Amino acid sequence: MEDTAKLTTVDETKLSPGGLCGIHKEELSLFCVEDQAPLCSVCRKSWDHASHTVIPRNQAAEGERPLFSWRHFPLFCEAGTLDWNKKDDAEKLRLVEQCVDINLEKATEEGTPGNSRLQNSITWVVLVLFIIQIVGLVTTIFVFTKAKPNLPVAAAVATTPCCPPGWIRNQGSCYHALEEEGSWDAGQHYCSSLGASLATIENRETLNTALKGIGPFNHWVGLLRDSEDRWKWTDGTLFNNLFEVKGDGPCTYLTQEAVSRANCSAEKKSLCSQKVKSRDGSLCQET
C-alpha cells in the first residue's frame, strides 16, 4: 500500500511502451511544461511537479504551451541566473520577482522621459498650428474689412458720367445750349432748373471749338456787370479779362468771334454750364 501511494520524482518517472506511467501504471494524460515530460495523475502530485505548469497532454501535442517556463527564465533576466537548475523553487520565484522589478524600473526610467518629451512636442506643434490659423483668420478679416468701404466708391467712379446726357464737356465743365430765346434773367432761371447756371467761360477759343456743331452763336453767358461797374460771373468770381468784351450793356452773350455786351432784356438763346461730376477728385466716365 505504501509503495502505491508513494509520490515519485522526475528521475523516477519512466515511460512504458503502452503510453502508461512506468511506475504507477497510470495513463500519461498530463504534460509538464518545465520538464517537457508526460505525467500521470499520480506523478502530478509529486513534490517535483507541485510548482510546475502542467497541462493536458493533448494540448501539448497541439503546441498549446505557455510561452514562459522555468527553464526559459535565464534568457529574460541576467541577475542571479548562475546555476539556475540547481536552485530550488523558492529561490527561483525570488529571482523572478527581482528580475520583474528591475525590468519595470528600467522601463519606467527609460520610457517616461521619452514619452513626456513626445507629448510636449505634440502639444507645442498643435499650439503653433492653432496660433497660425488664428493669425490667418484675423488677417483675412482685416483685409476684407478695409477693402469693402472702397468698393462702392470704385463702382460709383466707373458708372458716374462726366456730364448729363446731351451736354458737351470742355476742360472741367459741361455745356448745354438752349434753343429757346428769352432775356438774360430767363436764361439764368432755366439753367438753374437744370442744376447749372449761365455759362462761365475759361477759354473762348477752346469753347468755340467744342461747340462748333451748335451753329451760329447768339447765346447768353454768365458774365454780368454789377452796380459798382465790376464784371463778375454768376458764381461771384471776378472776371480776369482773359478775353475782350465788346459793345454796350451790362449783360453778355457769345458770338462766333467774341463775347459781346447787350441789354439784359434782349431776346437771345442761352448757354448753360456746370462742373464735371466727380467724387473726391476721382475720374468720371466719358459719355
C-alpha atoms as a PDB file:
ATOM      1  CA  MET A   1       0.000   0.000   0.000  1.00  0.00           C
ATOM      2  CA  GLU A   2       2.783   2.370   0.870  1.00  0.00           C
ATOM      3  CA  ASP A   3       4.543   1.702  -2.438  1.00  0.00           C
ATOM      4  CA  THR A   4       1.372   2.516  -4.388  1.00  0.00           C
ATOM      5  CA  ALA A   5       0.820   5.831  -2.634  1.00  0.00           C
ATOM      6  CA  LYS A   6       4.426   6.924  -2.962  1.00  0.00           C
ATOM      7  CA  LEU A   7       4.851  10.221  -4.887  1.00  0.00           C
ATOM      8  CA  THR A   8       7.645   9.818  -7.409  1.00  0.00           C
ATOM      9  CA  THR A   9      10.170  12.327  -8.630  1.00  0.00           C
ATOM     10  CA  VAL A  10      11.018  13.251 -12.172  1.00  0.00           C
ATOM     11  CA  ASP A  11      14.038  10.982 -12.188  1.00  0.00           C
ATOM     12  CA  GLU A  12      11.866   8.065 -11.160  1.00  0.00           C
ATOM     13  CA  THR A  13       9.267   8.694 -13.883  1.00  0.00           C
ATOM     14  CA  LYS A  14       9.634   6.172 -16.698  1.00  0.00           C
ATOM     15  CA  LEU A  15       7.687   5.716 -19.881  1.00  0.00           C
ATOM     16  CA  SER A  16       6.225   2.362 -20.680  1.00  0.00           C
ATOM     17  CA  PRO A  17       5.747   1.184 -24.277  1.00  0.00           C
ATOM     18  CA  GLY A  18       1.958   1.335 -23.909  1.00  0.00           C
ATOM     19  CA  GLY A  19       1.794   5.057 -23.005  1.00  0.00           C
ATOM     20  CA  LEU A  20       1.446   4.270 -19.291  1.00  0.00           C
ATOM     21  CA  CYS A  21       3.482   5.525 -16.388  1.00  0.00           C
ATOM     22  CA  GLY A  22       6.274   3.039 -15.769  1.00  0.00           C
ATOM     23  CA  ILE A  23       5.936   3.473 -12.010  1.00  0.00           C
ATOM     24  CA  HIS A  24       2.225   3.895 -11.372  1.00  0.00           C
ATOM     25  CA  LYS A  25       0.829   2.192 -14.476  1.00  0.00           C
ATOM     26  CA  GLU A  26      -1.473   5.208 -14.959  1.00  0.00           C
ATOM     27  CA  GLU A  27      -2.214   6.824 -18.293  1.00  0.00           C
ATOM     28  CA  LEU A  28       0.176   9.652 -19.128  1.00  0.00           C
ATOM     29  CA  SER A  29      -2.598  12.200 -19.680  1.00  0.00           C
ATOM     30  CA  LEU A  30      -0.693  15.260 -18.447  1.00  0.00           C
ATOM     31  CA  PHE A  31       2.369  17.177 -19.611  1.00  0.00           C
ATOM     32  CA  CYS A  32       4.929  19.120 -17.522  1.00  0.00           C
ATOM     33  CA  VAL A  33       5.977  22.284 -19.348  1.00  0.00           C
ATOM     34  CA  GLU A  34       9.106  22.870 -17.254  1.00  0.00           C
ATOM     35  CA  ASP A  35      10.465  19.312 -17.598  1.00  0.00           C
ATOM     36  CA  GLN A  36       8.986  18.761 -21.037  1.00  0.00           C
ATOM     37  CA  ALA A  37       7.814  15.309 -19.960  1.00  0.00           C
ATOM     38  CA  PRO A  38       4.474  13.467 -19.840  1.00  0.00           C
ATOM     39  CA  LEU A  39       2.949  12.774 -16.420  1.00  0.00           C
ATOM     40  CA  CYS A  40       0.229  10.655 -14.952  1.00  0.00           C
ATOM     41  CA  SER A  41      -2.215  11.960 -12.384  1.00  0.00           C
ATOM     42  CA  VAL A  42      -0.162  10.382  -9.545  1.00  0.00           C
ATOM     43  CA  CYS A  43       3.109  11.917 -10.757  1.00  0.00           C
ATOM     44  CA  ARG A  44       1.376  15.284 -10.827  1.00  0.00           C
ATOM     45  CA  LYS A  45       1.185  15.147  -7.034  1.00  0.00           C
ATOM     46  CA  SER A  46       4.936  14.628  -6.726  1.00  0.00           C
ATOM     47  CA  TRP A  47       6.845  17.354  -4.897  1.00  0.00           C
ATOM     48  CA  ASP A  48       8.968  17.775  -8.011  1.00  0.00           C
ATOM     49  CA  HIS A  49       5.886  18.825 -10.021  1.00  0.00           C
ATOM     50  CA  ALA A  50       3.916  20.643  -7.346  1.00  0.00           C
ATOM     51  CA  SER A  51       5.034  24.123  -8.501  1.00  0.00           C
ATOM     52  CA  HIS A  52       5.312  23.293 -12.207  1.00  0.00           C
ATOM     53  CA  THR A  53       2.978  24.205 -15.036  1.00  0.00           C
ATOM     54  CA  VAL A  54       1.030  21.109 -16.029  1.00  0.00           C
ATOM     55  CA  ILE A  55      -1.367  20.957 -18.965  1.00  0.00           C
ATOM     56  CA  PRO A  56      -3.369  18.194 -20.669  1.00  0.00           C
ATOM     57  CA  ARG A  57      -1.162  16.108 -22.912  1.00  0.00           C
ATOM     58  CA  ASN A  58      -3.365  16.619 -25.959  1.00  0.00           C
ATOM     59  CA  GLN A  59      -2.795  20.390 -25.714  1.00  0.00           C
ATOM     60  CA  ALA A  60       0.945  19.815 -25.543  1.00  0.00           C
ATOM     61  CA  ALA A  61       0.731  17.696 -28.676  1.00  0.00           C
ATOM     62  CA  GLU A  62      -1.103  20.513 -30.483  1.00  0.00           C
ATOM     63  CA  GLY A  63       1.565  23.044 -29.474  1.00  0.00           C
ATOM     64  CA  GLU A  64      -0.608  24.953 -26.975  1.00  0.00           C
ATOM     65  CA  ARG A  65       2.150  25.519 -24.433  1.00  0.00           C
ATOM     66  CA  PRO A  66       2.814  28.616 -22.343  1.00  0.00           C
ATOM     67  CA  LEU A  67       5.454  30.885 -23.759  1.00  0.00           C
ATOM     68  CA  PHE A  68       7.258  31.093 -20.417  1.00  0.00           C
ATOM     69  CA  SER A  69       8.728  28.301 -18.259  1.00  0.00           C
ATOM     70  CA  TRP A  70      11.313  27.992 -15.547  1.00  0.00           C
ATOM     71  CA  ARG A  71      13.915  26.650 -17.948  1.00  0.00           C
ATOM     72  CA  HIS A  72      13.413  29.657 -20.257  1.00  0.00           C
ATOM     73  CA  PHE A  73      13.707  32.202 -17.446  1.00  0.00           C
ATOM     74  CA  PRO A  74      17.522  32.694 -17.672  1.00  0.00           C
ATOM     75  CA  LEU A  75      17.016  34.096 -21.187  1.00  0.00           C
ATOM     76  CA  PHE A  76      14.931  37.002 -19.817  1.00  0.00           C
ATOM     77  CA  CYS A  77      16.908  38.043 -16.761  1.00  0.00           C
ATOM     78  CA  GLU A  78      20.643  38.445 -16.239  1.00  0.00           C
ATOM     79  CA  ALA A  79      20.594  38.740 -12.444  1.00  0.00           C
ATOM     80  CA  GLY A  80      21.004  35.581 -10.369  1.00  0.00           C
ATOM     81  CA  THR A  81      20.853  33.105 -13.273  1.00  0.00           C
ATOM     82  CA  LEU A  82      24.070  31.231 -12.498  1.00  0.00           C
ATOM     83  CA  ASP A  83      23.446  27.577 -11.631  1.00  0.00           C
ATOM     84  CA  TRP A  84      19.769  28.100 -12.353  1.00  0.00           C
ATOM     85  CA  ASN A  85      18.947  24.392 -12.452  1.00  0.00           C
ATOM     86  CA  LYS A  86      20.471  23.877  -9.002  1.00  0.00           C
ATOM     87  CA  LYS A  87      18.169  26.384  -7.294  1.00  0.00           C
ATOM     88  CA  ASP A  88      15.006  25.290  -5.514  1.00  0.00           C
ATOM     89  CA  ASP A  89      11.558  26.637  -6.392  1.00  0.00           C
ATOM     90  CA  ALA A  90      11.516  29.277  -3.661  1.00  0.00           C
ATOM     91  CA  GLU A  91      14.830  30.691  -4.860  1.00  0.00           C
ATOM     92  CA  LYS A  92      13.655  30.641  -8.481  1.00  0.00           C
ATOM     93  CA  LEU A  93      10.487  32.526  -7.526  1.00  0.00           C
ATOM     94  CA  ARG A  94      12.502  35.122  -5.630  1.00  0.00           C
ATOM     95  CA  LEU A  95      14.753  35.674  -8.676  1.00  0.00           C
ATOM     96  CA  VAL A  96      11.751  36.020 -10.951  1.00  0.00           C
ATOM     97  CA  GLU A  97      10.219  38.697  -8.746  1.00  0.00           C
ATOM     98  CA  GLN A  98      13.557  40.502  -8.535  1.00  0.00           C
ATOM     99  CA  CYS A  99      14.003  40.402 -12.311  1.00  0.00           C
ATOM    100  CA  VAL A 100      10.495  41.702 -12.966  1.00  0.00           C
ATOM    101  CA  ASP A 101      11.027  44.599 -10.538  1.00  0.00           C
ATOM    102  CA  ILE A 102      14.345  45.506 -12.197  1.00  0.00           C
ATOM    103  CA  ASN A 103      12.844  45.432 -15.698  1.00  0.00           C
ATOM    104  CA  LEU A 104       9.893  47.556 -14.624  1.00  0.00           C
ATOM    105  CA  GLU A 105      12.209  50.142 -13.066  1.00  0.00           C
ATOM    106  CA  LYS A 106      14.297  50.286 -16.255  1.00  0.00           C
ATOM    107  CA  ALA A 107      11.217  50.649 -18.405  1.00  0.00           C
ATOM    108  CA  THR A 108       9.969  53.465 -16.186  1.00  0.00           C
ATOM    109  CA  GLU A 109      13.309  55.283 -16.140  1.00  0.00           C
ATOM    110  CA  GLU A 110      13.911  54.930 -19.884  1.00  0.00           C
ATOM    111  CA  GLY A 111      10.383  55.215 -21.215  1.00  0.00           C
ATOM    112  CA  THR A 112       8.790  58.016 -19.240  1.00  0.00           C
ATOM    113  CA  PRO A 113      11.099  60.897 -20.294  1.00  0.00           C
ATOM    114  CA  GLY A 114      10.775  59.898 -23.929  1.00  0.00           C
ATOM    115  CA  ASN A 115       7.006  59.748 -23.744  1.00  0.00           C
ATOM    116  CA  SER A 116       6.929  63.051 -21.888  1.00  0.00           C
ATOM    117  CA  ARG A 117       9.106  64.740 -24.494  1.00  0.00           C
ATOM    118  CA  LEU A 118       6.956  63.327 -27.286  1.00  0.00           C
ATOM    119  CA  GLN A 119       3.783  64.565 -25.637  1.00  0.00           C
ATOM    120  CA  ASN A 120       5.324  68.007 -25.105  1.00  0.00           C
ATOM    121  CA  SER A 121       6.412  68.150 -28.753  1.00  0.00           C
ATOM    122  CA  ILE A 122       2.945  67.231 -29.978  1.00  0.00           C
ATOM    123  CA  THR A 123       1.398  69.828 -27.674  1.00  0.00           C
ATOM    124  CA  TRP A 124       3.679  72.570 -28.990  1.00  0.00           C
ATOM    125  CA  VAL A 125       3.029  71.623 -32.632  1.00  0.00           C
ATOM    126  CA  VAL A 126      -0.737  71.740 -32.098  1.00  0.00           C
ATOM    127  CA  LEU A 127      -0.432  75.077 -30.286  1.00  0.00           C
ATOM    128  CA  VAL A 128       1.690  76.627 -33.059  1.00  0.00           C
ATOM    129  CA  LEU A 129      -0.719  75.435 -35.763  1.00  0.00           C
ATOM    130  CA  PHE A 130      -3.648  76.864 -33.808  1.00  0.00           C
ATOM    131  CA  ILE A 131      -1.913  80.245 -33.455  1.00  0.00           C
ATOM    132  CA  ILE A 132      -1.110  80.305 -37.196  1.00  0.00           C
ATOM    133  CA  GLN A 133      -4.753  79.659 -38.049  1.00  0.00           C
ATOM    134  CA  ILE A 134      -5.930  82.407 -35.709  1.00  0.00           C
ATOM    135  CA  VAL A 135      -3.453  84.916 -37.183  1.00  0.00           C
ATOM    136  CA  GLY A 136      -4.504  83.983 -40.723  1.00  0.00           C
ATOM    137  CA  LEU A 137      -8.179  84.397 -39.871  1.00  0.00           C
ATOM    138  CA  VAL A 138      -7.630  87.796 -38.243  1.00  0.00           C
ATOM    139  CA  THR A 139      -5.537  88.969 -41.224  1.00  0.00           C
ATOM    140  CA  THR A 140      -8.214  87.875 -43.695  1.00  0.00           C
ATOM    141  CA  ILE A 141     -10.957  89.657 -41.757  1.00  0.00           C
ATOM    142  CA  PHE A 142      -8.821  92.818 -41.524  1.00  0.00           C
ATOM    143  CA  VAL A 143      -8.092  92.857 -45.278  1.00  0.00           C
ATOM    144  CA  PHE A 144     -11.722  92.360 -46.264  1.00  0.00           C
ATOM    145  CA  THR A 145     -12.894  94.956 -43.751  1.00  0.00           C
ATOM    146  CA  LYS A 146     -10.509  97.552 -45.189  1.00  0.00           C
ATOM    147  CA  ALA A 147     -11.353  96.679 -48.798  1.00  0.00           C
ATOM    148  CA  LYS A 148     -15.145  96.807 -48.511  1.00  0.00           C
ATOM    149  CA  PRO A 149     -15.547 100.596 -47.983  1.00  0.00           C
ATOM    150  CA  ASN A 150     -13.602 101.237 -51.201  1.00  0.00           C
ATOM    151  CA  LEU A 151     -15.753  99.003 -53.377  1.00  0.00           C
ATOM    152  CA  PRO A 152     -18.827 101.306 -53.592  1.00  0.00           C
ATOM    153  CA  VAL A 153     -16.618 104.316 -54.435  1.00  0.00           C
ATOM    154  CA  ALA A 154     -14.864 102.403 -57.200  1.00  0.00           C
ATOM    155  CA  ALA A 155     -18.224 101.316 -58.594  1.00  0.00           C
ATOM    156  CA  ALA A 156     -19.513 104.897 -58.468  1.00  0.00           C
ATOM    157  CA  VAL A 157     -16.444 106.194 -60.319  1.00  0.00           C
ATOM    158  CA  ALA A 158     -16.857 103.593 -63.022  1.00  0.00           C
ATOM    159  CA  THR A 159     -20.581 104.310 -63.563  1.00  0.00           C
ATOM    160  CA  THR A 160     -20.797 108.105 -62.999  1.00  0.00           C
ATOM    161  CA  PRO A 161     -20.783 110.004 -66.314  1.00  0.00           C
ATOM    162  CA  CYS A 162     -18.836 113.241 -66.527  1.00  0.00           C
ATOM    163  CA  CYS A 163     -21.767 115.171 -67.974  1.00  0.00           C
ATOM    164  CA  PRO A 164     -25.535 114.661 -68.162  1.00  0.00           C
ATOM    165  CA  PRO A 165     -26.910 113.240 -71.426  1.00  0.00           C
ATOM    166  CA  GLY A 166     -26.908 115.851 -74.216  1.00  0.00           C
ATOM    167  CA  TRP A 167     -24.240 118.018 -72.560  1.00  0.00           C
ATOM    168  CA  ILE A 168     -20.786 118.723 -74.057  1.00  0.00           C
ATOM    169  CA  ARG A 169     -17.628 118.527 -71.983  1.00  0.00           C
ATOM    170  CA  ASN A 170     -14.898 121.153 -72.343  1.00  0.00           C
ATOM    171  CA  GLN A 171     -11.994 121.064 -69.895  1.00  0.00           C
ATOM    172  CA  GLY A 172     -13.519 120.877 -66.386  1.00  0.00           C
ATOM    173  CA  SER A 173     -17.062 121.939 -67.303  1.00  0.00           C
ATOM    174  CA  CYS A 174     -20.126 120.616 -69.107  1.00  0.00           C
ATOM    175  CA  TYR A 175     -22.067 122.880 -71.551  1.00  0.00           C
ATOM    176  CA  HIS A 176     -25.617 122.744 -72.865  1.00  0.00           C
ATOM    177  CA  ALA A 177     -27.131 125.143 -75.445  1.00  0.00           C
ATOM    178  CA  LEU A 178     -30.825 126.090 -75.105  1.00  0.00           C
ATOM    179  CA  GLU A 179     -32.740 126.859 -78.286  1.00  0.00           C
ATOM    180  CA  GLU A 180     -35.496 128.799 -76.505  1.00  0.00           C
ATOM    181  CA  GLU A 181     -34.976 132.563 -76.623  1.00  0.00           C
ATOM    182  CA  GLY A 182     -35.529 134.889 -73.688  1.00  0.00           C
ATOM    183  CA  SER A 183     -33.971 137.568 -71.507  1.00  0.00           C
ATOM    184  CA  TRP A 184     -30.727 137.116 -69.558  1.00  0.00           C
ATOM    185  CA  ASP A 185     -32.721 136.531 -66.351  1.00  0.00           C
ATOM    186  CA  ALA A 186     -34.963 133.963 -68.085  1.00  0.00           C
ATOM    187  CA  GLY A 187     -31.921 132.085 -69.355  1.00  0.00           C
ATOM    188  CA  GLN A 188     -30.349 132.061 -65.878  1.00  0.00           C
ATOM    189  CA  HIS A 189     -33.597 130.773 -64.361  1.00  0.00           C
ATOM    190  CA  TYR A 190     -33.872 127.953 -66.890  1.00  0.00           C
ATOM    191  CA  CYS A 191     -30.222 126.907 -66.400  1.00  0.00           C
ATOM    192  CA  SER A 192     -30.790 126.849 -62.635  1.00  0.00           C
ATOM    193  CA  SER A 193     -33.677 124.411 -63.130  1.00  0.00           C
ATOM    194  CA  LEU A 194     -31.148 122.048 -64.733  1.00  0.00           C
ATOM    195  CA  GLY A 195     -28.744 122.331 -61.801  1.00  0.00           C
ATOM    196  CA  ALA A 196     -26.493 124.699 -63.735  1.00  0.00           C
ATOM    197  CA  SER A 197     -26.094 128.423 -64.462  1.00  0.00           C
ATOM    198  CA  LEU A 198     -25.424 130.636 -67.463  1.00  0.00           C
ATOM    199  CA  ALA A 199     -22.055 129.566 -68.822  1.00  0.00           C
ATOM    200  CA  THR A 200     -18.723 130.510 -67.296  1.00  0.00           C
ATOM    201  CA  ILE A 201     -16.052 130.762 -69.986  1.00  0.00           C
ATOM    202  CA  GLU A 202     -12.450 129.892 -69.114  1.00  0.00           C
ATOM    203  CA  ASN A 203     -11.072 129.821 -72.658  1.00  0.00           C
ATOM    204  CA  ARG A 204     -13.137 131.207 -75.520  1.00  0.00           C
ATOM    205  CA  GLU A 205     -11.174 129.565 -78.331  1.00  0.00           C
ATOM    206  CA  THR A 206     -11.395 126.032 -76.943  1.00  0.00           C
ATOM    207  CA  LEU A 207     -15.073 126.590 -76.103  1.00  0.00           C
ATOM    208  CA  ASN A 208     -15.818 127.664 -79.690  1.00  0.00           C
ATOM    209  CA  THR A 209     -14.083 124.513 -80.922  1.00  0.00           C
ATOM    210  CA  ALA A 210     -16.069 122.288 -78.563  1.00  0.00           C
ATOM    211  CA  LEU A 211     -19.387 123.918 -79.514  1.00  0.00           C
ATOM    212  CA  LYS A 212     -18.778 124.212 -83.257  1.00  0.00           C
ATOM    213  CA  GLY A 213     -21.602 121.799 -84.035  1.00  0.00           C
ATOM    214  CA  ILE A 214     -24.210 124.007 -82.387  1.00  0.00           C
ATOM    215  CA  GLY A 215     -24.346 126.576 -85.201  1.00  0.00           C
ATOM    216  CA  PRO A 216     -24.150 130.376 -85.109  1.00  0.00           C
ATOM    217  CA  PHE A 217     -23.572 131.635 -81.560  1.00  0.00           C
ATOM    218  CA  ASN A 218     -26.041 134.077 -80.107  1.00  0.00           C
ATOM    219  CA  HIS A 219     -26.314 132.739 -76.542  1.00  0.00           C
ATOM    220  CA  TRP A 220     -26.397 134.460 -73.176  1.00  0.00           C
ATOM    221  CA  VAL A 221     -23.421 133.652 -70.903  1.00  0.00           C
ATOM    222  CA  GLY A 222     -22.942 134.181 -67.167  1.00  0.00           C
ATOM    223  CA  LEU A 223     -20.800 137.360 -67.211  1.00  0.00           C
ATOM    224  CA  LEU A 224     -22.626 140.375 -65.694  1.00  0.00           C
ATOM    225  CA  ARG A 225     -21.603 143.936 -64.726  1.00  0.00           C
ATOM    226  CA  ASP A 226     -22.763 144.826 -61.205  1.00  0.00           C
ATOM    227  CA  SER A 227     -23.789 148.205 -59.767  1.00  0.00           C
ATOM    228  CA  GLU A 228     -20.157 149.001 -58.921  1.00  0.00           C
ATOM    229  CA  ASP A 229     -19.195 148.557 -62.567  1.00  0.00           C
ATOM    230  CA  ARG A 230     -17.334 145.287 -61.862  1.00  0.00           C
ATOM    231  CA  TRP A 231     -17.635 142.296 -64.145  1.00  0.00           C
ATOM    232  CA  LYS A 232     -18.476 139.040 -62.343  1.00  0.00           C
ATOM    233  CA  TRP A 233     -19.574 135.553 -63.229  1.00  0.00           C
ATOM    234  CA  THR A 234     -22.807 134.172 -61.805  1.00  0.00           C
ATOM    235  CA  ASP A 235     -20.899 132.325 -59.051  1.00  0.00           C
ATOM    236  CA  GLY A 236     -19.466 135.662 -57.819  1.00  0.00           C
ATOM    237  CA  THR A 237     -15.991 135.171 -59.328  1.00  0.00           C
ATOM    238  CA  LEU A 238     -14.403 138.339 -60.741  1.00  0.00           C
ATOM    239  CA  PHE A 239     -13.718 138.424 -64.474  1.00  0.00           C
ATOM    240  CA  ASN A 240      -9.964 138.044 -65.169  1.00  0.00           C
ATOM    241  CA  ASN A 241     -10.036 139.886 -68.538  1.00  0.00           C
ATOM    242  CA  LEU A 242      -8.613 136.925 -70.446  1.00  0.00           C
ATOM    243  CA  PHE A 243     -10.636 137.959 -73.472  1.00  0.00           C
ATOM    244  CA  GLU A 244     -12.138 141.193 -74.789  1.00  0.00           C
ATOM    245  CA  VAL A 245     -15.786 142.092 -74.160  1.00  0.00           C
ATOM    246  CA  LYS A 246     -17.208 144.294 -76.932  1.00  0.00           C
ATOM    247  CA  GLY A 247     -20.274 146.563 -77.154  1.00  0.00           C
ATOM    248  CA  ASP A 248     -22.519 148.207 -74.580  1.00  0.00           C
ATOM    249  CA  GLY A 249     -24.814 146.845 -71.904  1.00  0.00           C
ATOM    250  CA  PRO A 250     -24.499 145.071 -68.519  1.00  0.00           C
ATOM    251  CA  CYS A 251     -25.144 141.509 -69.821  1.00  0.00           C
ATOM    252  CA  THR A 252     -23.015 139.418 -72.168  1.00  0.00           C
ATOM    253  CA  TYR A 253     -23.587 136.841 -74.886  1.00  0.00           C
ATOM    254  CA  LEU A 254     -21.339 134.640 -77.007  1.00  0.00           C
ATOM    255  CA  THR A 255     -20.886 135.156 -80.759  1.00  0.00           C
ATOM    256  CA  GLN A 256     -18.749 133.274 -83.229  1.00  0.00           C
ATOM    257  CA  GLU A 257     -15.956 135.845 -82.994  1.00  0.00           C
ATOM    258  CA  ALA A 258     -16.133 137.249 -79.446  1.00  0.00           C
ATOM    259  CA  VAL A 259     -18.045 137.867 -76.244  1.00  0.00           C
ATOM    260  CA  SER A 260     -20.296 140.892 -76.661  1.00  0.00           C
ATOM    261  CA  ARG A 261     -22.418 143.111 -74.395  1.00  0.00           C
ATOM    262  CA  ALA A 262     -26.140 143.761 -74.701  1.00  0.00           C
ATOM    263  CA  ASN A 263     -29.187 144.950 -72.826  1.00  0.00           C
ATOM    264  CA  CYS A 264     -30.312 142.215 -70.404  1.00  0.00           C
ATOM    265  CA  SER A 265     -33.899 142.289 -71.705  1.00  0.00           C
ATOM    266  CA  ALA A 266     -32.886 141.332 -75.238  1.00  0.00           C
ATOM    267  CA  GLU A 267     -34.219 138.040 -76.619  1.00  0.00           C
ATOM    268  CA  LYS A 268     -31.420 135.520 -77.078  1.00  0.00           C
ATOM    269  CA  LYS A 269     -30.709 131.812 -76.653  1.00  0.00           C
ATOM    270  CA  SER A 270     -28.854 130.665 -73.523  1.00  0.00           C
ATOM    271  CA  LEU A 271     -25.701 128.620 -72.877  1.00  0.00           C
ATOM    272  CA  CYS A 272     -25.669 126.738 -69.537  1.00  0.00           C
ATOM    273  CA  SER A 273     -22.655 125.224 -67.801  1.00  0.00           C
ATOM    274  CA  GLN A 274     -21.868 123.128 -64.718  1.00  0.00           C
ATOM    275  CA  LYS A 275     -18.744 121.487 -63.321  1.00  0.00           C
ATOM    276  CA  VAL A 276     -17.809 117.966 -64.361  1.00  0.00           C
ATOM    277  CA  LYS A 277     -19.300 115.446 -61.932  1.00  0.00           C
ATOM    278  CA  SER A 278     -16.748 113.638 -59.798  1.00  0.00           C
ATOM    279  CA  ARG A 279     -16.286 112.375 -56.255  1.00  0.00           C
ATOM    280  CA  ASP A 280     -13.293 113.376 -54.183  1.00  0.00           C
ATOM    281  CA  GLY A 281     -11.382 114.376 -57.306  1.00  0.00           C
ATOM    282  CA  SER A 282     -11.705 110.920 -58.875  1.00  0.00           C
ATOM    283  CA  LEU A 283     -12.129 110.441 -62.609  1.00  0.00           C
ATOM    284  CA  CYS A 284     -15.555 110.110 -64.208  1.00  0.00           C
ATOM    285  CA  GLN A 285     -16.724 108.126 -67.205  1.00  0.00           C
ATOM    286  CA  GLU A 286     -16.747 109.844 -70.593  1.00  0.00           C
ATOM    287  CA  THR A 287     -20.125 109.947 -72.307  1.00  0.00           C
END
